[in-house]
Amino acid sequence: MPGLESIPADVVAVSDFERHAATVLPPDVLAHIAGGSGDERGLRANRAAFDAWHIHSRVLVDCRDGSTATRLFGEELAHPLLLAPVAYHKLVHAAGELATAQAADALDTTMVVSTLATTALERLAAELRRKWFQLYLQHSRAATANLLARAEQAGFSAIVVTVDVPVAAMRYRAARAGFRHPAEVVAVNVGEPPMTAPAALPGNGSRVFQGVMAQAPNWQDLEWLRAQTRLPLLVKGVLHAEDVSRAIGLGVDGAIVSNHGGRALDDAPAALTALQSVRAAVSSDFPLLVDGGIRSGADAFKALALGANAVLIGRPQLYALAVAGAAGVAQLLRILRDELEVTMALAGCPTIASITPRALTPTR
């Protein structure tokens, strides 16, 4: 990988990247990345949900043929650890998503490229063997169709449509730190400005309901999107089983259970908690992924045991990128995969398919 940078010698776990990132990032940028919405109850709930489970230690299991390999949408994956769509990588590193993509490709990882990337999606596609595209529905169907067509032509193998932030939540930590989005950090793949509330509304109109939400996507837009592509279509940001069932009825191929990393509805349940109720409501062969709060291979193991087919890693990729560029992200992925393999071996689960709820026990 070009542009390798030095990884601090004491980086041995995912949390170490966050610790070092706090020393290299401006305080307002760190607050923007690390913070959640409101009083951050959803952010804290994500971590607490993982701490609510122990993993059974099993002995004398033959793991000589063990593997983290798995399969999603007809594609063989070396492991079920994906990079979540995270916007604006150039907030933390000059190379932006290009460095992240180089690391993902080196570690045989699927990268889900954000609509709000600061690097052209075609340039990133050229770096990646395994690539999905995350889509925000745009202000018009024509603009959305154009973005979708570009992703298809660039060779992305799945489309992830994010649906849980039709209006931006109040993010108090970032606001208190004085974060302002830098003008030079641009979402280059979006040719027109995102939806915003009008400066003034007639009468007593609400800037939320008659403003932003009047233009927000709805179920009809998801149905329309399904008809626009033959690629696997995943809906991201669902927490309620009824919403997942309705999306399945419209023909989506998978779902990502997520509370947007605690950055949407503050009092939403933890993604891991919601995963369990969603899995119970859908067929066992319907692909479910989860993100939010995963900070170790053991966390990934718990998510797989509770019904996820794969997991996505969000904030840590920015911390690693800020600390050591492409080398940092590669090391992050290497740590997570090593931890997952060790956890599987000690839990007596030599394959991804062998990781079931029976591998866990509640902490209380």
Protein backbone atom coordinates (compact mmCIF):
# COMPACT_ATOMS: atom_id res chain seq x y z
CA MET A 1 0.00 0.00 0.00
CA PRO A 2 1.42 3.41 -0.94
CA GLY A 3 1.76 6.08 1.70
CA LEU A 4 2.23 3.79 4.69
CA GLU A 5 2.58 5.69 7.94
CA SER A 6 3.96 4.79 11.33
CA ILE A 7 1.69 2.94 13.76
CA PRO A 8 2.41 3.76 17.43
CA ALA A 9 4.12 0.84 19.14
CA ASP A 10 1.49 0.63 21.88
CA VAL A 11 -1.41 0.10 19.48
CA VAL A 12 -2.51 -3.44 20.25
CA ALA A 13 -6.31 -3.07 20.42
CA VAL A 14 -9.01 -1.06 18.67
CA SER A 15 -9.36 1.25 21.69
CA ASP A 16 -5.73 2.30 21.28
CA PHE A 17 -6.52 3.97 17.97
CA GLU A 18 -9.23 6.06 19.62
CA ARG A 19 -6.82 7.06 22.39
CA HIS A 20 -4.19 8.18 19.89
CA ALA A 21 -6.74 9.89 17.66
CA ALA A 22 -7.63 12.16 20.58
CA THR A 23 -4.05 13.49 20.46
CA VAL A 24 -3.90 14.17 16.70
CA LEU A 25 -7.38 15.42 15.82
CA PRO A 26 -8.63 18.93 16.55
CA PRO A 27 -11.00 18.83 19.57
CA ASP A 28 -14.03 19.93 17.54
CA VAL A 29 -13.46 17.27 14.87
CA LEU A 30 -12.99 14.61 17.54
CA ALA A 31 -16.25 15.71 19.20
CA HIS A 32 -18.04 15.50 15.86
CA ILE A 33 -16.80 11.96 15.21
CA ALA A 34 -16.98 10.51 18.72
CA GLY A 35 -20.23 12.16 19.78
CA GLY A 36 -23.78 10.96 19.42
CA SER A 37 -27.10 12.73 19.36
CA GLY A 38 -28.77 14.46 22.29
CA ASP A 39 -27.53 13.25 25.66
CA GLU A 40 -25.94 10.20 23.97
CA ARG A 41 -28.10 7.54 25.58
CA GLY A 42 -28.19 5.61 22.32
CA LEU A 43 -24.42 5.85 22.02
CA ARG A 44 -23.93 4.42 25.51
CA ALA A 45 -26.61 1.77 24.97
CA ASN A 46 -24.70 0.34 22.02
CA ARG A 47 -21.71 -0.47 24.21
CA ALA A 48 -23.80 -1.62 27.18
CA ALA A 49 -25.59 -4.14 24.98
CA PHE A 50 -22.35 -5.96 24.27
CA ASP A 51 -21.34 -5.91 27.92
CA ALA A 52 -24.61 -7.68 28.77
CA TRP A 53 -23.29 -10.97 27.38
CA HIS A 54 -20.56 -13.42 28.32
CA ILE A 55 -19.13 -15.95 25.86
CA HIS A 56 -19.01 -19.58 26.91
CA SER A 57 -15.50 -21.02 26.98
CA ARG A 58 -15.45 -24.52 25.45
CA VAL A 59 -12.57 -26.97 25.53
CA LEU A 60 -11.08 -29.76 23.45
CA VAL A 61 -12.91 -28.74 20.27
CA ASP A 62 -11.16 -29.67 17.02
CA CYS A 63 -10.61 -26.34 15.26
CA ARG A 64 -7.92 -27.41 12.79
CA ASP A 65 -10.21 -26.69 9.83
CA GLY A 66 -11.51 -23.45 11.31
CA SER A 67 -12.22 -20.45 9.12
CA THR A 68 -13.87 -17.03 9.24
CA ALA A 69 -15.08 -17.45 5.66
CA THR A 70 -18.73 -16.71 4.99
CA ARG A 71 -21.07 -15.97 2.08
CA LEU A 72 -23.34 -13.00 1.40
CA PHE A 73 -25.45 -12.42 -1.71
CA GLY A 74 -23.59 -15.11 -3.60
CA GLU A 75 -20.19 -13.64 -2.80
CA GLU A 76 -17.54 -15.52 -0.84
CA LEU A 77 -16.08 -13.36 1.92
CA ALA A 78 -12.87 -14.09 3.80
CA HIS A 79 -14.47 -12.79 6.99
CA PRO A 80 -17.72 -11.10 8.13
CA LEU A 81 -16.05 -7.79 9.11
CA LEU A 82 -17.09 -4.95 6.80
CA LEU A 83 -16.23 -1.26 6.84
CA ALA A 84 -19.39 0.74 7.44
CA PRO A 85 -20.22 3.74 5.27
CA VAL A 86 -18.66 6.74 7.02
CA ALA A 87 -18.76 10.21 5.50
CA TYR A 88 -15.97 12.70 4.92
CA HIS A 89 -12.77 10.74 5.53
CA LYS A 90 -10.74 13.82 4.57
CA LEU A 91 -11.84 15.35 7.86
CA VAL A 92 -9.13 13.21 9.47
CA HIS A 93 -6.56 12.46 6.74
CA ALA A 94 -5.50 14.11 3.49
CA ALA A 95 -5.79 10.88 1.49
CA GLY A 96 -9.34 10.34 2.72
CA GLU A 97 -11.25 7.29 1.52
CA LEU A 98 -8.48 6.34 -0.87
CA ALA A 99 -6.26 5.29 2.04
CA THR A 100 -9.15 3.43 3.65
CA ALA A 101 -9.86 1.59 0.40
CA GLN A 102 -6.21 0.58 0.00
CA ALA A 103 -6.27 -0.92 3.51
CA ALA A 104 -9.58 -2.68 2.91
CA ASP A 105 -8.33 -4.26 -0.27
CA ALA A 106 -5.09 -5.38 1.36
CA LEU A 107 -7.05 -7.13 4.13
CA ASP A 108 -9.68 -8.60 1.77
CA THR A 109 -12.40 -6.51 3.40
CA THR A 110 -15.65 -5.26 1.91
CA MET A 111 -15.81 -1.47 2.08
CA VAL A 112 -19.22 0.19 1.97
CA VAL A 113 -18.48 3.52 0.28
CA SER A 114 -20.54 6.47 1.50
CA THR A 115 -22.54 8.78 -0.74
CA LEU A 116 -20.79 11.53 1.24
CA ALA A 117 -17.28 10.33 0.41
CA THR A 118 -14.65 12.96 -0.32
CA THR A 119 -13.19 10.84 -3.14
CA ALA A 120 -14.90 9.99 -6.42
CA LEU A 121 -16.72 6.67 -6.18
CA GLU A 122 -15.17 5.54 -9.48
CA ARG A 123 -11.66 6.11 -8.08
CA LEU A 124 -12.49 4.08 -4.98
CA ALA A 125 -14.07 1.30 -7.03
CA ALA A 126 -10.82 0.93 -8.95
CA GLU A 127 -8.98 0.24 -5.67
CA LEU A 128 -11.44 -2.28 -4.27
CA ARG A 129 -12.17 -5.90 -5.11
CA ARG A 130 -15.01 -6.04 -2.57
CA LYS A 131 -17.21 -2.97 -2.64
CA TRP A 132 -20.75 -1.95 -1.80
CA PHE A 133 -22.21 1.53 -2.28
CA GLN A 134 -24.21 3.33 0.40
CA LEU A 135 -26.93 5.51 -1.08
CA TYR A 136 -28.75 8.46 0.41
CA LEU A 137 -31.91 9.12 -1.57
CA GLN A 138 -31.40 12.54 -3.14
CA HIS A 139 -33.71 15.52 -3.50
CA SER A 140 -35.02 14.16 -6.79
CA ARG A 141 -35.41 10.69 -8.27
CA ALA A 142 -33.36 11.78 -11.27
CA ALA A 143 -30.41 12.67 -9.02
CA THR A 144 -30.75 9.37 -7.16
CA ALA A 145 -30.94 7.41 -10.41
CA ASN A 146 -27.79 9.12 -11.67
CA LEU A 147 -25.85 8.23 -8.51
CA LEU A 148 -27.13 4.65 -8.67
CA ALA A 149 -26.12 4.31 -12.32
CA ARG A 150 -22.61 5.54 -11.54
CA ALA A 151 -22.27 2.98 -8.75
CA GLU A 152 -23.45 0.16 -11.02
CA GLN A 153 -21.13 1.19 -13.83
CA ALA A 154 -18.20 1.39 -11.41
CA GLY A 155 -18.74 -2.24 -10.42
CA PHE A 156 -20.19 -2.00 -6.91
CA SER A 157 -21.82 -5.32 -6.05
CA ALA A 158 -24.57 -4.19 -3.63
CA ILE A 159 -26.50 -1.05 -2.77
CA VAL A 160 -27.12 0.01 0.83
CA VAL A 161 -29.83 2.64 1.22
CA THR A 162 -29.74 4.51 4.52
CA VAL A 163 -33.19 5.45 5.79
CA ASP A 164 -32.88 6.47 9.46
CA VAL A 165 -31.86 10.14 9.28
CA PRO A 166 -34.49 12.01 7.24
CA VAL A 167 -33.78 14.93 9.57
CA ALA A 168 -30.48 15.56 11.38
CA ALA A 169 -30.65 14.89 15.10
CA MET A 170 -29.40 17.37 17.71
CA ARG A 171 -25.72 16.59 18.30
CA TYR A 172 -24.90 18.49 21.44
CA ARG A 173 -21.31 17.35 21.96
CA ALA A 174 -20.23 18.57 18.53
CA ALA A 175 -22.18 21.81 18.94
CA ARG A 176 -20.60 22.55 22.32
CA ALA A 177 -17.16 21.96 20.80
CA GLY A 178 -17.93 24.49 18.08
CA PHE A 179 -17.67 22.06 15.17
CA ARG A 180 -18.28 23.60 11.77
CA HIS A 181 -17.91 21.51 8.64
CA PRO A 182 -14.83 22.72 6.73
CA ALA A 183 -15.67 24.21 3.35
CA GLU A 184 -12.79 22.36 1.70
CA VAL A 185 -14.05 18.90 2.78
CA VAL A 186 -16.58 18.21 0.05
CA ALA A 187 -18.86 15.28 -0.77
CA VAL A 188 -17.62 15.10 -4.35
CA ASN A 189 -20.10 12.46 -5.55
CA VAL A 190 -23.16 14.58 -4.86
CA GLY A 191 -23.50 17.25 -7.50
CA GLU A 192 -26.35 19.11 -5.85
CA PRO A 193 -26.87 20.25 -2.25
CA PRO A 194 -28.62 17.92 0.21
CA MET A 195 -32.14 18.54 1.38
CA THR A 196 -32.46 21.42 3.84
CA ALA A 197 -35.37 23.21 5.42
CA PRO A 198 -36.36 26.47 3.75
CA ALA A 199 -35.18 29.61 5.52
CA ALA A 200 -38.76 30.71 6.14
CA LEU A 201 -42.13 29.02 6.02
CA PRO A 202 -45.50 30.68 5.53
CA GLY A 203 -47.71 31.07 8.58
CA ASN A 204 -46.74 28.91 11.53
CA GLY A 205 -45.24 26.09 9.49
CA SER A 206 -42.73 23.77 11.17
CA ARG A 207 -39.17 23.73 9.82
CA VAL A 208 -39.17 20.02 10.62
CA PHE A 209 -42.59 18.77 9.48
CA GLN A 210 -43.41 21.22 6.69
CA GLY A 211 -39.73 21.81 5.94
CA VAL A 212 -37.30 18.88 5.90
CA MET A 213 -39.87 16.10 6.33
CA ALA A 214 -41.98 17.42 3.47
CA GLN A 215 -39.10 16.42 1.19
CA ALA A 216 -37.99 13.28 3.04
CA PRO A 217 -38.02 9.83 1.41
CA ASN A 218 -40.89 7.46 2.12
CA TRP A 219 -41.90 3.85 1.46
CA GLN A 220 -42.91 4.68 -2.09
CA ASP A 221 -39.37 5.89 -2.76
CA LEU A 222 -37.95 2.61 -1.49
CA GLU A 223 -40.34 0.71 -3.75
CA TRP A 224 -39.21 2.88 -6.67
CA LEU A 225 -35.55 2.30 -5.85
CA ARG A 226 -36.06 -1.45 -5.76
CA ALA A 227 -37.30 -1.27 -9.34
CA GLN A 228 -34.22 0.67 -10.49
CA THR A 229 -31.53 -1.94 -9.86
CA ARG A 230 -30.94 -5.66 -10.06
CA LEU A 231 -28.12 -5.48 -7.55
CA PRO A 232 -28.74 -6.75 -4.01
CA LEU A 233 -30.47 -3.95 -2.10
CA LEU A 234 -30.05 -3.56 1.65
CA VAL A 235 -31.93 -1.13 3.84
CA LYS A 236 -29.79 0.42 6.59
CA GLY A 237 -30.94 2.02 9.81
CA VAL A 238 -33.85 -0.22 10.77
CA LEU A 239 -34.51 -1.20 14.38
CA HIS A 240 -38.13 -2.37 14.36
CA ALA A 241 -39.20 -5.78 13.11
CA GLU A 242 -42.31 -4.33 11.43
CA ASP A 243 -40.17 -1.97 9.35
CA VAL A 244 -37.92 -4.83 8.26
CA SER A 245 -40.94 -6.95 7.34
CA ARG A 246 -42.40 -4.11 5.28
CA ALA A 247 -39.07 -3.63 3.50
CA ILE A 248 -38.93 -7.34 2.73
CA GLY A 249 -42.39 -7.02 1.23
CA LEU A 250 -41.01 -4.41 -1.15
CA GLY A 251 -38.26 -6.76 -2.26
CA VAL A 252 -35.15 -5.73 -0.35
CA ASP A 253 -32.49 -8.42 -0.12
CA GLY A 254 -31.06 -7.64 3.32
CA ALA A 255 -31.14 -5.23 6.25
CA ILE A 256 -28.57 -3.50 8.42
CA VAL A 257 -29.84 -3.13 11.97
CA SER A 258 -28.43 0.18 13.16
CA ASN A 259 -29.19 3.23 15.29
CA HIS A 260 -26.71 5.22 13.20
CA GLY A 261 -24.03 4.79 15.82
CA GLY A 262 -26.18 6.63 18.36
CA ARG A 263 -26.36 9.65 16.05
CA ALA A 264 -30.06 9.54 15.13
CA LEU A 265 -32.91 9.11 17.65
CA ASP A 266 -31.16 9.37 21.01
CA ASP A 267 -33.51 7.06 22.90
CA ALA A 268 -33.56 4.37 20.23
CA PRO A 269 -32.58 0.90 21.45
CA ALA A 270 -29.08 -0.42 21.01
CA ALA A 271 -28.54 -2.01 17.61
CA LEU A 272 -27.52 -5.32 19.20
CA THR A 273 -30.72 -5.39 21.26
CA ALA A 274 -32.86 -4.64 18.22
CA LEU A 275 -31.02 -7.30 16.22
CA GLN A 276 -32.44 -10.03 18.44
CA SER A 277 -36.08 -8.98 17.94
CA VAL A 278 -35.59 -8.47 14.20
CA ARG A 279 -33.94 -11.86 13.75
CA ALA A 280 -36.82 -13.51 15.59
CA ALA A 281 -39.29 -11.91 13.16
CA VAL A 282 -37.65 -12.78 9.83
CA SER A 283 -36.65 -16.02 8.18
CA SER A 284 -33.37 -17.57 9.22
CA ASP A 285 -31.96 -17.19 5.72
CA PHE A 286 -32.69 -13.45 5.40
CA PRO A 287 -29.37 -11.57 5.62
CA LEU A 288 -29.11 -9.30 8.64
CA LEU A 289 -26.07 -7.16 9.39
CA VAL A 290 -25.48 -4.90 12.36
CA ASP A 291 -23.34 -1.90 13.28
CA GLY A 292 -22.93 0.27 16.34
CA GLY A 293 -20.53 -0.17 19.23
CA ILE A 294 -18.40 -3.01 17.84
CA ARG A 295 -14.89 -2.51 19.21
CA SER A 296 -13.37 -5.99 19.22
CA GLY A 297 -13.47 -9.40 17.65
CA ALA A 298 -15.38 -10.60 20.72
CA ASP A 299 -18.06 -7.98 20.04
CA ALA A 300 -18.31 -9.22 16.46
CA PHE A 301 -18.64 -12.79 17.77
CA LYS A 302 -21.54 -11.75 20.04
CA ALA A 303 -23.34 -10.04 17.16
CA LEU A 304 -22.94 -13.14 14.98
CA ALA A 305 -24.23 -15.33 17.80
CA LEU A 306 -27.32 -13.15 18.19
CA GLY A 307 -28.31 -13.38 14.56
CA ALA A 308 -26.09 -11.19 12.40
CA ASN A 309 -24.60 -12.58 9.19
CA ALA A 310 -21.89 -9.91 9.27
CA VAL A 311 -20.93 -6.75 11.14
CA LEU A 312 -19.86 -3.28 10.11
CA ILE A 313 -17.17 -1.16 11.76
CA GLY A 314 -17.78 2.59 11.82
CA ARG A 315 -15.93 5.15 13.94
CA PRO A 316 -12.79 3.03 14.54
CA GLN A 317 -11.84 3.27 10.87
CA LEU A 318 -11.64 7.06 11.19
CA TYR A 319 -9.58 6.83 14.36
CA ALA A 320 -7.15 4.43 12.69
CA LEU A 321 -7.02 6.57 9.55
CA ALA A 322 -6.28 9.69 11.58
CA VAL A 323 -3.48 7.98 13.48
CA ALA A 324 -1.65 6.14 10.71
CA GLY A 325 -3.42 6.42 7.36
CA ALA A 326 -3.79 3.29 5.28
CA ALA A 327 -1.44 1.39 7.56
CA GLY A 328 -3.61 2.25 10.54
CA VAL A 329 -6.80 1.00 8.92
CA ALA A 330 -5.05 -2.18 7.80
CA GLN A 331 -3.81 -2.79 11.33
CA LEU A 332 -7.31 -2.15 12.71
CA LEU A 333 -8.76 -4.80 10.41
CA ARG A 334 -5.94 -7.22 11.21
CA ILE A 335 -6.56 -6.82 14.95
CA LEU A 336 -10.30 -7.39 14.59
CA ARG A 337 -9.88 -10.50 12.47
CA ASP A 338 -7.23 -11.95 14.77
CA GLU A 339 -9.45 -11.30 17.79
CA LEU A 340 -12.43 -12.91 16.09
CA GLU A 341 -10.41 -16.02 15.24
CA VAL A 342 -9.05 -16.32 18.79
CA THR A 343 -12.52 -15.87 20.26
CA MET A 344 -13.95 -18.52 17.94
CA ALA A 345 -11.20 -20.98 18.88
CA LEU A 346 -11.61 -20.46 22.64
CA ALA A 347 -15.40 -20.64 22.35
CA GLY A 348 -15.23 -23.90 20.40
CA CYS A 349 -16.78 -22.41 17.26
CA PRO A 350 -14.45 -23.19 14.35
CA THR A 351 -16.73 -21.73 11.65
CA ILE A 352 -19.04 -18.75 11.32
CA ALA A 353 -22.00 -21.11 10.95
CA SER A 354 -21.17 -22.72 14.29
CA ILE A 355 -21.58 -19.42 16.17
CA THR A 356 -25.11 -19.58 17.64
CA PRO A 357 -26.95 -18.09 20.65
CA ARG A 358 -25.86 -21.12 22.65
CA ALA A 359 -22.35 -19.63 22.69
CA LEU A 360 -23.53 -16.78 24.92
CA THR A 361 -24.85 -16.38 28.44
CA PRO A 362 -26.25 -13.18 30.00
CA THR A 363 -23.98 -11.37 32.43
CA ARG A 364 -26.91 -11.09 34.84
